[in-house]
Amino acid sequence: MDKQIITVEVAYALAHKQKIVQLQVPQGTTAREAAIRSGLDSEFADLDLQQSPLGIFGKGVARPEEYCLEDGNRVEIYRPLLADPKEVRKQRAERAAQAKAAEAAQTTSAE
């Protein structure tokens, strides 16, 4: 018996360019297979479809090589993080504390 054909989308976005590709794939196609079939790596030079983290509708998929898609799924290709979010928050809090201390010192010296 032939596998049923399903329709899925594969999406990738940069700050200045986004692309969504609609694909017809056999039922049982994995998220990784759909990403590779999308051909988006030909439009985005630094995109590695073999290694990029993937998600479905905003939720990361731990093992995209095993995750079988359903009709209507949107596979999202995620970019690697440029900075650790925890470290960014920590640095922001440190800058805010320094600014507050400087403001307090300035207010004290003006009195």
PDB file of N, CA and C in Angstrom:
ATOM      1  N   MET A   1       0.843  -1.185   0.000  1.00  0.00           N
ATOM      2  CA  MET A   1       0.000   0.000   0.000  1.00  0.00           C
ATOM      3  C   MET A   1       0.885   1.244   0.000  1.00  0.00           C
ATOM      4  N   ASP A   2       0.555   2.217  -0.848  1.00  0.00           N
ATOM      5  CA  ASP A   2       1.325   3.450  -0.937  1.00  0.00           C
ATOM      6  C   ASP A   2       1.103   4.316   0.281  1.00  0.00           C
ATOM      7  N   LYS A   3       2.150   5.043   0.647  1.00  0.00           N
ATOM      8  CA  LYS A   3       2.033   5.978   1.752  1.00  0.00           C
ATOM      9  C   LYS A   3       1.228   7.188   1.309  1.00  0.00           C
ATOM     10  N   GLN A   4       0.436   7.695   2.214  1.00  0.00           N
ATOM     11  CA  GLN A   4      -0.360   8.892   1.954  1.00  0.00           C
ATOM     12  C   GLN A   4       0.571  10.097   1.847  1.00  0.00           C
ATOM     13  N   ILE A   5       0.233  11.041   1.001  1.00  0.00           N
ATOM     14  CA  ILE A   5       1.006  12.269   0.843  1.00  0.00           C
ATOM     15  C   ILE A   5       0.417  13.324   1.776  1.00  0.00           C
ATOM     16  N   ILE A   6       1.299  14.000   2.515  1.00  0.00           N
ATOM     17  CA  ILE A   6       0.866  15.073   3.413  1.00  0.00           C
ATOM     18  C   ILE A   6       1.537  16.382   2.985  1.00  0.00           C
ATOM     19  N   THR A   7       0.957  17.483   3.413  1.00  0.00           N
ATOM     20  CA  THR A   7       1.510  18.803   3.111  1.00  0.00           C
ATOM     21  C   THR A   7       2.090  19.386   4.391  1.00  0.00           C
ATOM     22  N   VAL A   8       3.342  19.837   4.309  1.00  0.00           N
ATOM     23  CA  VAL A   8       4.012  20.473   5.443  1.00  0.00           C
ATOM     24  C   VAL A   8       4.710  21.735   4.947  1.00  0.00           C
ATOM     25  N   GLU A   9       5.093  22.578   5.885  1.00  0.00           N
ATOM     26  CA  GLU A   9       5.878  23.764   5.564  1.00  0.00           C
ATOM     27  C   GLU A   9       7.197  23.682   6.297  1.00  0.00           C
ATOM     28  N   VAL A  10       8.215  24.280   5.700  1.00  0.00           N
ATOM     29  CA  VAL A  10       9.516  24.411   6.350  1.00  0.00           C
ATOM     30  C   VAL A  10       9.857  25.898   6.326  1.00  0.00           C
ATOM     31  N   ALA A  11      10.194  26.449   7.498  1.00  0.00           N
ATOM     32  CA  ALA A  11      10.438  27.886   7.615  1.00  0.00           C
ATOM     33  C   ALA A  11      11.820  28.161   8.199  1.00  0.00           C
ATOM     34  N   TYR A  12      12.430  29.237   7.673  1.00  0.00           N
ATOM     35  CA  TYR A  12      13.702  29.719   8.213  1.00  0.00           C
ATOM     36  C   TYR A  12      13.695  31.234   8.103  1.00  0.00           C
ATOM     37  N   ALA A  13      14.245  31.897   9.102  1.00  0.00           N
ATOM     38  CA  ALA A  13      14.231  33.362   9.096  1.00  0.00           C
ATOM     39  C   ALA A  13      15.509  33.934   9.662  1.00  0.00           C
ATOM     40  N   LEU A  14      15.970  34.975   9.004  1.00  0.00           N
ATOM     41  CA  LEU A  14      17.014  35.844   9.515  1.00  0.00           C
ATOM     42  C   LEU A  14      16.353  37.184   9.780  1.00  0.00           C
ATOM     43  N   ALA A  15      17.061  38.111  10.349  1.00  0.00           N
ATOM     44  CA  ALA A  15      16.480  39.429  10.641  1.00  0.00           C
ATOM     45  C   ALA A  15      16.025  40.139   9.368  1.00  0.00           C
ATOM     46  N   HIS A  16      16.731  39.929   8.267  1.00  0.00           N
ATOM     47  CA  HIS A  16      16.454  40.651   7.027  1.00  0.00           C
ATOM     48  C   HIS A  16      15.824  39.801   5.918  1.00  0.00           C
ATOM     49  N   LYS A  17      15.683  38.501   6.136  1.00  0.00           N
ATOM     50  CA  LYS A  17      15.156  37.619   5.084  1.00  0.00           C
ATOM     51  C   LYS A  17      14.483  36.406   5.715  1.00  0.00           C
ATOM     52  N   GLN A  18      13.293  36.094   5.226  1.00  0.00           N
ATOM     53  CA  GLN A  18      12.558  34.927   5.707  1.00  0.00           C
ATOM     54  C   GLN A  18      12.085  34.122   4.495  1.00  0.00           C
ATOM     55  N   LYS A  19      11.894  32.835   4.718  1.00  0.00           N
ATOM     56  CA  LYS A  19      11.398  31.988   3.633  1.00  0.00           C
ATOM     57  C   LYS A  19      10.615  30.827   4.229  1.00  0.00           C
ATOM     58  N   ILE A  20       9.447  30.559   3.633  1.00  0.00           N
ATOM     59  CA  ILE A  20       8.647  29.390   3.991  1.00  0.00           C
ATOM     60  C   ILE A  20       8.419  28.597   2.714  1.00  0.00           C
ATOM     61  N   VAL A  21       8.713  27.318   2.769  1.00  0.00           N
ATOM     62  CA  VAL A  21       8.552  26.438   1.619  1.00  0.00           C
ATOM     63  C   VAL A  21       7.487  25.405   1.952  1.00  0.00           C
ATOM     64  N   GLN A  22       6.534  25.235   1.058  1.00  0.00           N
ATOM     65  CA  GLN A  22       5.512  24.208   1.243  1.00  0.00           C
ATOM     66  C   GLN A  22       5.948  22.965   0.482  1.00  0.00           C
ATOM     67  N   LEU A  23       5.827  21.810   1.131  1.00  0.00           N
ATOM     68  CA  LEU A  23       6.247  20.543   0.533  1.00  0.00           C
ATOM     69  C   LEU A  23       5.132  19.516   0.593  1.00  0.00           C
ATOM     70  N   GLN A  24       5.103  18.658  -0.384  1.00  0.00           N
ATOM     71  CA  GLN A  24       4.267  17.462  -0.371  1.00  0.00           C
ATOM     72  C   GLN A  24       5.221  16.300  -0.100  1.00  0.00           C
ATOM     73  N   VAL A  25       5.025  15.604   1.010  1.00  0.00           N
ATOM     74  CA  VAL A  25       5.933  14.522   1.401  1.00  0.00           C
ATOM     75  C   VAL A  25       5.123  13.289   1.783  1.00  0.00           C
ATOM     76  N   PRO A  26       5.752  12.113   1.703  1.00  0.00           N
ATOM     77  CA  PRO A  26       5.050  10.901   2.131  1.00  0.00           C
ATOM     78  C   PRO A  26       4.860  10.902   3.649  1.00  0.00           C
ATOM     79  N   GLN A  27       3.720  10.377   4.081  1.00  0.00           N
ATOM     80  CA  GLN A  27       3.501  10.206   5.518  1.00  0.00           C
ATOM     81  C   GLN A  27       4.651   9.374   6.068  1.00  0.00           C
ATOM     82  N   GLY A  28       5.149   9.753   7.247  1.00  0.00           N
ATOM     83  CA  GLY A  28       6.299   9.072   7.824  1.00  0.00           C
ATOM     84  C   GLY A  28       7.596   9.848   7.635  1.00  0.00           C
ATOM     85  N   THR A  29       7.533  10.945   6.867  1.00  0.00           N
ATOM     86  CA  THR A  29       8.714  11.802   6.685  1.00  0.00           C
ATOM     87  C   THR A  29       9.046  12.466   8.017  1.00  0.00           C
ATOM     88  N   THR A  30      10.330  12.509   8.338  1.00  0.00           N
ATOM     89  CA  THR A  30      10.747  13.126   9.602  1.00  0.00           C
ATOM     90  C   THR A  30      10.975  14.622   9.409  1.00  0.00           C
ATOM     91  N   ALA A  31      11.039  15.323  10.522  1.00  0.00           N
ATOM     92  CA  ALA A  31      11.293  16.765  10.489  1.00  0.00           C
ATOM     93  C   ALA A  31      12.625  17.048   9.798  1.00  0.00           C
ATOM     94  N   ARG A  32      13.662  16.277  10.101  1.00  0.00           N
ATOM     95  CA  ARG A  32      14.977  16.479   9.476  1.00  0.00           C
ATOM     96  C   ARG A  32      14.904  16.258   7.970  1.00  0.00           C
ATOM     97  N   GLU A  33      14.204  15.193   7.551  1.00  0.00           N
ATOM     98  CA  GLU A  33      14.073  14.910   6.117  1.00  0.00           C
ATOM     99  C   GLU A  33      13.367  16.054   5.394  1.00  0.00           C
ATOM    100  N   ALA A  34      12.321  16.595   5.997  1.00  0.00           N
ATOM    101  CA  ALA A  34      11.595  17.709   5.379  1.00  0.00           C
ATOM    102  C   ALA A  34      12.489  18.938   5.273  1.00  0.00           C
ATOM    103  N   ALA A  35      13.261  19.213   6.322  1.00  0.00           N
ATOM    104  CA  ALA A  35      14.175  20.359   6.287  1.00  0.00           C
ATOM    105  C   ALA A  35      15.165  20.206   5.137  1.00  0.00           C
ATOM    106  N   ILE A  36      15.706  19.024   4.985  1.00  0.00           N
ATOM    107  CA  ILE A  36      16.671  18.776   3.906  1.00  0.00           C
ATOM    108  C   ILE A  36      16.000  18.895   2.540  1.00  0.00           C
ATOM    109  N   ARG A  37      14.800  18.344   2.406  1.00  0.00           N
ATOM    110  CA  ARG A  37      14.066  18.427   1.132  1.00  0.00           C
ATOM    111  C   ARG A  37      13.688  19.861   0.759  1.00  0.00           C
ATOM    112  N   SER A  38      13.607  20.741   1.763  1.00  0.00           N
ATOM    113  CA  SER A  38      13.186  22.118   1.498  1.00  0.00           C
ATOM    114  C   SER A  38      14.158  22.859   0.592  1.00  0.00           C
ATOM    115  N   GLY A  39      15.432  22.478   0.633  1.00  0.00           N
ATOM    116  CA  GLY A  39      16.438  23.146  -0.178  1.00  0.00           C
ATOM    117  C   GLY A  39      16.781  24.545   0.298  1.00  0.00           C
ATOM    118  N   LEU A  40      16.364  24.896   1.502  1.00  0.00           N
ATOM    119  CA  LEU A  40      16.618  26.251   1.998  1.00  0.00           C
ATOM    120  C   LEU A  40      18.103  26.552   2.164  1.00  0.00           C
ATOM    121  N   ASP A  41      18.930  25.522   2.276  1.00  0.00           N
ATOM    122  CA  ASP A  41      20.371  25.761   2.394  1.00  0.00           C
ATOM    123  C   ASP A  41      20.959  26.355   1.121  1.00  0.00           C
ATOM    124  N   SER A  42      20.243  26.243  -0.002  1.00  0.00           N
ATOM    125  CA  SER A  42      20.732  26.865  -1.236  1.00  0.00           C
ATOM    126  C   SER A  42      20.457  28.374  -1.247  1.00  0.00           C
ATOM    127  N   GLU A  43      19.522  28.835  -0.420  1.00  0.00           N
ATOM    128  CA  GLU A  43      19.200  30.265  -0.345  1.00  0.00           C
ATOM    129  C   GLU A  43      19.873  30.960   0.830  1.00  0.00           C
ATOM    130  N   PHE A  44      20.287  30.184   1.822  1.00  0.00           N
ATOM    131  CA  PHE A  44      20.934  30.731   3.015  1.00  0.00           C
ATOM    132  C   PHE A  44      22.290  30.043   3.154  1.00  0.00           C
ATOM    133  N   ALA A  45      23.331  30.754   2.791  1.00  0.00           N
ATOM    134  CA  ALA A  45      24.672  30.169   2.669  1.00  0.00           C
ATOM    135  C   ALA A  45      25.179  29.477   3.932  1.00  0.00           C
ATOM    136  N   ASP A  46      24.909  30.027   5.099  1.00  0.00           N
ATOM    137  CA  ASP A  46      25.463  29.457   6.333  1.00  0.00           C
ATOM    138  C   ASP A  46      24.563  28.416   6.990  1.00  0.00           C
ATOM    139  N   LEU A  47      23.494  28.032   6.344  1.00  0.00           N
ATOM    140  CA  LEU A  47      22.527  27.105   6.926  1.00  0.00           C
ATOM    141  C   LEU A  47      22.976  25.664   6.738  1.00  0.00           C
ATOM    142  N   ASP A  48      23.091  24.923   7.842  1.00  0.00           N
ATOM    143  CA  ASP A  48      23.462  23.505   7.812  1.00  0.00           C
ATOM    144  C   ASP A  48      22.237  22.687   8.206  1.00  0.00           C
ATOM    145  N   LEU A  49      21.521  22.186   7.216  1.00  0.00           N
ATOM    146  CA  LEU A  49      20.278  21.461   7.476  1.00  0.00           C
ATOM    147  C   LEU A  49      20.502  20.114   8.152  1.00  0.00           C
ATOM    148  N   GLN A  50      21.716  19.589   8.081  1.00  0.00           N
ATOM    149  CA  GLN A  50      22.018  18.308   8.738  1.00  0.00           C
ATOM    150  C   GLN A  50      22.143  18.470  10.256  1.00  0.00           C
ATOM    151  N   GLN A  51      22.513  19.681  10.711  1.00  0.00           N
ATOM    152  CA  GLN A  51      22.811  19.892  12.126  1.00  0.00           C
ATOM    153  C   GLN A  51      21.913  20.907  12.827  1.00  0.00           C
ATOM    154  N   SER A  52      21.225  21.760  12.083  1.00  0.00           N
ATOM    155  CA  SER A  52      20.434  22.833  12.696  1.00  0.00           C
ATOM    156  C   SER A  52      19.364  22.285  13.631  1.00  0.00           C
ATOM    157  N   PRO A  53      19.157  22.966  14.767  1.00  0.00           N
ATOM    158  CA  PRO A  53      18.047  22.570  15.633  1.00  0.00           C
ATOM    159  C   PRO A  53      16.721  22.854  14.921  1.00  0.00           C
ATOM    160  N   LEU A  54      15.733  21.993  15.153  1.00  0.00           N
ATOM    161  CA  LEU A  54      14.431  22.126  14.501  1.00  0.00           C
ATOM    162  C   LEU A  54      13.319  22.148  15.536  1.00  0.00           C
ATOM    163  N   GLY A  55      12.199  22.702  15.130  1.00  0.00           N
ATOM    164  CA  GLY A  55      11.014  22.706  15.969  1.00  0.00           C
ATOM    165  C   GLY A  55       9.770  22.588  15.113  1.00  0.00           C
ATOM    166  N   ILE A  56       8.661  22.356  15.786  1.00  0.00           N
ATOM    167  CA  ILE A  56       7.361  22.296  15.118  1.00  0.00           C
ATOM    168  C   ILE A  56       6.480  23.343  15.791  1.00  0.00           C
ATOM    169  N   PHE A  57       6.037  24.325  15.026  1.00  0.00           N
ATOM    170  CA  PHE A  57       5.182  25.406  15.553  1.00  0.00           C
ATOM    171  C   PHE A  57       5.728  26.005  16.845  1.00  0.00           C
ATOM    172  N   GLY A  58       7.029  26.325  16.873  1.00  0.00           N
ATOM    173  CA  GLY A  58       7.603  27.022  18.016  1.00  0.00           C
ATOM    174  C   GLY A  58       8.051  26.151  19.176  1.00  0.00           C
ATOM    175  N   LYS A  59       7.895  24.859  19.064  1.00  0.00           N
ATOM    176  CA  LYS A  59       8.356  23.958  20.131  1.00  0.00           C
ATOM    177  C   LYS A  59       9.494  23.110  19.587  1.00  0.00           C
ATOM    178  N   GLY A  60      10.638  23.199  20.274  1.00  0.00           N
ATOM    179  CA  GLY A  60      11.807  22.448  19.835  1.00  0.00           C
ATOM    180  C   GLY A  60      11.556  20.953  19.815  1.00  0.00           C
ATOM    181  N   VAL A  61      12.189  20.289  18.866  1.00  0.00           N
ATOM    182  CA  VAL A  61      12.095  18.833  18.743  1.00  0.00           C
ATOM    183  C   VAL A  61      13.459  18.263  19.105  1.00  0.00           C
ATOM    184  N   ALA A  62      13.497  17.447  20.147  1.00  0.00           N
ATOM    185  CA  ALA A  62      14.765  16.911  20.653  1.00  0.00           C
ATOM    186  C   ALA A  62      15.459  16.010  19.632  1.00  0.00           C
ATOM    187  N   ARG A  63      14.696  15.171  18.941  1.00  0.00           N
ATOM    188  CA  ARG A  63      15.275  14.245  17.964  1.00  0.00           C
ATOM    189  C   ARG A  63      14.534  14.380  16.626  1.00  0.00           C
ATOM    190  N   PRO A  64      14.876  15.429  15.856  1.00  0.00           N
ATOM    191  CA  PRO A  64      14.156  15.661  14.603  1.00  0.00           C
ATOM    192  C   PRO A  64      14.336  14.547  13.573  1.00  0.00           C
ATOM    193  N   GLU A  65      15.377  13.730  13.749  1.00  0.00           N
ATOM    194  CA  GLU A  65      15.585  12.603  12.833  1.00  0.00           C
ATOM    195  C   GLU A  65      14.559  11.503  13.063  1.00  0.00           C
ATOM    196  N   GLU A  66      13.874  11.556  14.219  1.00  0.00           N
ATOM    197  CA  GLU A  66      12.895  10.528  14.572  1.00  0.00           C
ATOM    198  C   GLU A  66      11.463  11.063  14.579  1.00  0.00           C
ATOM    199  N   TYR A  67      11.298  12.373  14.590  1.00  0.00           N
ATOM    200  CA  TYR A  67       9.963  12.967  14.717  1.00  0.00           C
ATOM    201  C   TYR A  67       9.239  12.904  13.374  1.00  0.00           C
ATOM    202  N   CYS A  68       8.188  12.097  13.298  1.00  0.00           N
ATOM    203  CA  CYS A  68       7.406  11.971  12.071  1.00  0.00           C
ATOM    204  C   CYS A  68       6.372  13.089  11.995  1.00  0.00           C
ATOM    205  N   LEU A  69       6.341  13.737  10.853  1.00  0.00           N
ATOM    206  CA  LEU A  69       5.452  14.875  10.650  1.00  0.00           C
ATOM    207  C   LEU A  69       4.018  14.444  10.406  1.00  0.00           C
ATOM    208  N   GLU A  70       3.120  15.362  10.726  1.00  0.00           N
ATOM    209  CA  GLU A  70       1.702  15.180  10.448  1.00  0.00           C
ATOM    210  C   GLU A  70       1.286  16.219   9.413  1.00  0.00           C
ATOM    211  N   ASP A  71       0.205  15.953   8.725  1.00  0.00           N
ATOM    212  CA  ASP A  71      -0.294  16.882   7.724  1.00  0.00           C
ATOM    213  C   ASP A  71      -0.504  18.265   8.347  1.00  0.00           C
ATOM    214  N   GLY A  72       0.020  19.286   7.697  1.00  0.00           N
ATOM    215  CA  GLY A  72      -0.156  20.653   8.172  1.00  0.00           C
ATOM    216  C   GLY A  72       0.922  21.155   9.115  1.00  0.00           C
ATOM    217  N   ASN A  73       1.870  20.295   9.521  1.00  0.00           N
ATOM    218  CA  ASN A  73       2.956  20.745  10.411  1.00  0.00           C
ATOM    219  C   ASN A  73       3.820  21.794   9.729  1.00  0.00           C
ATOM    220  N   ARG A  74       4.375  22.701  10.552  1.00  0.00           N
ATOM    221  CA  ARG A  74       5.378  23.655  10.064  1.00  0.00           C
ATOM    222  C   ARG A  74       6.684  23.362  10.800  1.00  0.00           C
ATOM    223  N   VAL A  75       7.684  22.951  10.047  1.00  0.00           N
ATOM    224  CA  VAL A  75       9.013  22.701  10.594  1.00  0.00           C
ATOM    225  C   VAL A  75       9.745  24.035  10.607  1.00  0.00           C
ATOM    226  N   GLU A  76      10.269  24.400  11.760  1.00  0.00           N
ATOM    227  CA  GLU A  76      11.022  25.646  11.881  1.00  0.00           C
ATOM    228  C   GLU A  76      12.489  25.304  12.098  1.00  0.00           C
ATOM    229  N   ILE A  77      13.331  25.947  11.324  1.00  0.00           N
ATOM    230  CA  ILE A  77      14.774  25.747  11.434  1.00  0.00           C
ATOM    231  C   ILE A  77      15.305  26.880  12.306  1.00  0.00           C
ATOM    232  N   TYR A  78      15.945  26.526  13.397  1.00  0.00           N
ATOM    233  CA  TYR A  78      16.430  27.530  14.347  1.00  0.00           C
ATOM    234  C   TYR A  78      17.892  27.860  14.092  1.00  0.00           C
ATOM    235  N   ARG A  79      18.223  29.124  14.297  1.00  0.00           N
ATOM    236  CA  ARG A  79      19.605  29.580  14.197  1.00  0.00           C
ATOM    237  C   ARG A  79      20.303  29.305  15.527  1.00  0.00           C
ATOM    238  N   PRO A  80      21.616  29.119  15.482  1.00  0.00           N
ATOM    239  CA  PRO A  80      22.334  28.959  16.752  1.00  0.00           C
ATOM    240  C   PRO A  80      22.305  30.266  17.533  1.00  0.00           C
ATOM    241  N   LEU A  81      22.277  30.167  18.849  1.00  0.00           N
ATOM    242  CA  LEU A  81      22.277  31.356  19.688  1.00  0.00           C
ATOM    243  C   LEU A  81      23.632  32.042  19.597  1.00  0.00           C
ATOM    244  N   LEU A  82      23.618  33.360  19.472  1.00  0.00           N
ATOM    245  CA  LEU A  82      24.860  34.118  19.430  1.00  0.00           C
ATOM    246  C   LEU A  82      25.386  34.373  20.831  1.00  0.00           C
ATOM    247  N   ALA A  83      24.490  34.402  21.815  1.00  0.00           N
ATOM    248  CA  ALA A  83      24.877  34.624  23.209  1.00  0.00           C
ATOM    249  C   ALA A  83      23.959  33.808  24.104  1.00  0.00           C
ATOM    250  N   ASP A  84      24.497  33.363  25.216  1.00  0.00           N
ATOM    251  CA  ASP A  84      23.718  32.611  26.188  1.00  0.00           C
ATOM    252  C   ASP A  84      22.715  33.561  26.855  1.00  0.00           C
ATOM    253  N   PRO A  85      21.416  33.283  26.768  1.00  0.00           N
ATOM    254  CA  PRO A  85      20.413  34.187  27.346  1.00  0.00           C
ATOM    255  C   PRO A  85      20.623  34.467  28.831  1.00  0.00           C
ATOM    256  N   LYS A  86      21.078  33.477  29.592  1.00  0.00           N
ATOM    257  CA  LYS A  86      21.327  33.684  31.028  1.00  0.00           C
ATOM    258  C   LYS A  86      22.450  34.705  31.232  1.00  0.00           C
ATOM    259  N   GLU A  87      23.493  34.581  30.432  1.00  0.00           N
ATOM    260  CA  GLU A  87      24.628  35.502  30.543  1.00  0.00           C
ATOM    261  C   GLU A  87      24.214  36.919  30.150  1.00  0.00           C
ATOM    262  N   VAL A  88      23.395  37.044  29.122  1.00  0.00           N
ATOM    263  CA  VAL A  88      22.914  38.366  28.691  1.00  0.00           C
ATOM    264  C   VAL A  88      22.098  39.018  29.809  1.00  0.00           C
ATOM    265  N   ARG A  89      21.200  38.256  30.445  1.00  0.00           N
ATOM    266  CA  ARG A  89      20.394  38.800  31.552  1.00  0.00           C
ATOM    267  C   ARG A  89      21.292  39.219  32.721  1.00  0.00           C
ATOM    268  N   LYS A  90      22.297  38.404  33.016  1.00  0.00           N
ATOM    269  CA  LYS A  90      23.219  38.703  34.107  1.00  0.00           C
ATOM    270  C   LYS A  90      23.965  40.015  33.830  1.00  0.00           C
ATOM    271  N   GLN A  91      24.449  40.177  32.611  1.00  0.00           N
ATOM    272  CA  GLN A  91      25.173  41.401  32.243  1.00  0.00           C
ATOM    273  C   GLN A  91      24.251  42.624  32.300  1.00  0.00           C
ATOM    274  N   ARG A  92      23.011  42.459  31.852  1.00  0.00           N
ATOM    275  CA  ARG A  92      22.049  43.558  31.890  1.00  0.00           C
ATOM    276  C   ARG A  92      21.771  43.977  33.336  1.00  0.00           C
ATOM    277  N   ALA A  93      21.625  43.000  34.231  1.00  0.00           N
ATOM    278  CA  ALA A  93      21.372  43.288  35.648  1.00  0.00           C
ATOM    279  C   ALA A  93      22.572  43.995  36.273  1.00  0.00           C
ATOM    280  N   GLU A  94      23.776  43.576  35.904  1.00  0.00           N
ATOM    281  CA  GLU A  94      24.981  44.222  36.424  1.00  0.00           C
ATOM    282  C   GLU A  94      25.062  45.679  35.962  1.00  0.00           C
ATOM    283  N   ARG A  95      24.755  45.936  34.691  1.00  0.00           N
ATOM    284  CA  ARG A  95      24.773  47.311  34.175  1.00  0.00           C
ATOM    285  C   ARG A  95      23.724  48.165  34.870  1.00  0.00           C
ATOM    286  N   ALA A  96      22.546  47.601  35.107  1.00  0.00           N
ATOM    287  CA  ALA A  96      21.481  48.350  35.787  1.00  0.00           C
ATOM    288  C   ALA A  96      21.904  48.680  37.218  1.00  0.00           C
ATOM    289  N   ALA A  97      22.536  47.742  37.906  1.00  0.00           N
ATOM    290  CA  ALA A  97      22.997  47.977  39.282  1.00  0.00           C
ATOM    291  C   ALA A  97      24.075  49.048  39.304  1.00  0.00           C
ATOM    292  N   GLN A  98      24.979  49.024  38.346  1.00  0.00           N
ATOM    293  CA  GLN A  98      26.034  50.038  38.269  1.00  0.00           C
ATOM    294  C   GLN A  98      25.444  51.420  37.993  1.00  0.00           C
ATOM    295  N   ALA A  99      24.472  51.481  37.097  1.00  0.00           N
ATOM    296  CA  ALA A  99      23.830  52.763  36.777  1.00  0.00           C
ATOM    297  C   ALA A  99      23.092  53.308  37.997  1.00  0.00           C
ATOM    298  N   LYS A 100      22.429  52.433  38.732  1.00  0.00           N
ATOM    299  CA  LYS A 100      21.696  52.852  39.929  1.00  0.00           C
ATOM    300  C   LYS A 100      22.677  53.355  40.997  1.00  0.00           C
ATOM    301  N   ALA A 101      23.787  52.660  41.163  1.00  0.00           N
ATOM    302  CA  ALA A 101      24.803  53.076  42.142  1.00  0.00           C
ATOM    303  C   ALA A 101      25.411  54.422  41.753  1.00  0.00           C
ATOM    304  N   ALA A 102      25.668  54.620  40.461  1.00  0.00           N
ATOM    305  CA  ALA A 102      26.229  55.882  39.984  1.00  0.00           C
ATOM    306  C   ALA A 102      25.234  57.022  40.195  1.00  0.00           C
ATOM    307  N   GLU A 103      23.971  56.745  39.943  1.00  0.00           N
ATOM    308  CA  GLU A 103      22.926  57.758  40.142  1.00  0.00           C
ATOM    309  C   GLU A 103      22.816  58.115  41.621  1.00  0.00           C
ATOM    310  N   ALA A 104      22.885  57.120  42.481  1.00  0.00           N
ATOM    311  CA  ALA A 104      22.799  57.363  43.938  1.00  0.00           C
ATOM    312  C   ALA A 104      24.002  58.176  44.401  1.00  0.00           C
ATOM    313  N   ALA A 105      25.185  57.865  43.883  1.00  0.00           N
ATOM    314  CA  ALA A 105      26.388  58.605  44.272  1.00  0.00           C
ATOM    315  C   ALA A 105      26.305  60.041  43.791  1.00  0.00           C
ATOM    316  N   GLN A 106      25.763  60.248  42.617  1.00  0.00           N
ATOM    317  CA  GLN A 106      25.623  61.605  42.070  1.00  0.00           C
ATOM    318  C   GLN A 106      24.627  62.421  42.887  1.00  0.00           C
ATOM    319  N   THR A 107      23.535  61.786  43.306  1.00  0.00           N
ATOM    320  CA  THR A 107      22.527  62.465  44.111  1.00  0.00           C
ATOM    321  C   THR A 107      23.094  62.837  45.468  1.00  0.00           C
ATOM    322  N   THR A 108      23.880  61.931  46.063  1.00  0.00           N
ATOM    323  CA  THR A 108      24.486  62.171  47.368  1.00  0.00           C
ATOM    324  C   THR A 108      25.497  63.322  47.293  1.00  0.00           C
ATOM    325  N   SER A 109      26.292  63.380  46.242  1.00  0.00           N
ATOM    326  CA  SER A 109      27.308  64.427  46.125  1.00  0.00           C
ATOM    327  C   SER A 109      26.682  65.787  45.810  1.00  0.00           C
ATOM    328  N   ALA A 110      25.519  65.810  45.247  1.00  0.00           N
ATOM    329  CA  ALA A 110      24.832  67.067  44.907  1.00  0.00           C
ATOM    330  C   ALA A 110      24.180  67.688  46.127  1.00  0.00           C
ATOM    331  N   GLU A 111      23.973  66.938  47.168  1.00  0.00           N
ATOM    332  CA  GLU A 111      23.288  67.464  48.364  1.00  0.00           C
ATOM    333  C   GLU A 111      24.171  68.214  49.257  1.00  0.00           C
TER     334      GLU A 111
END
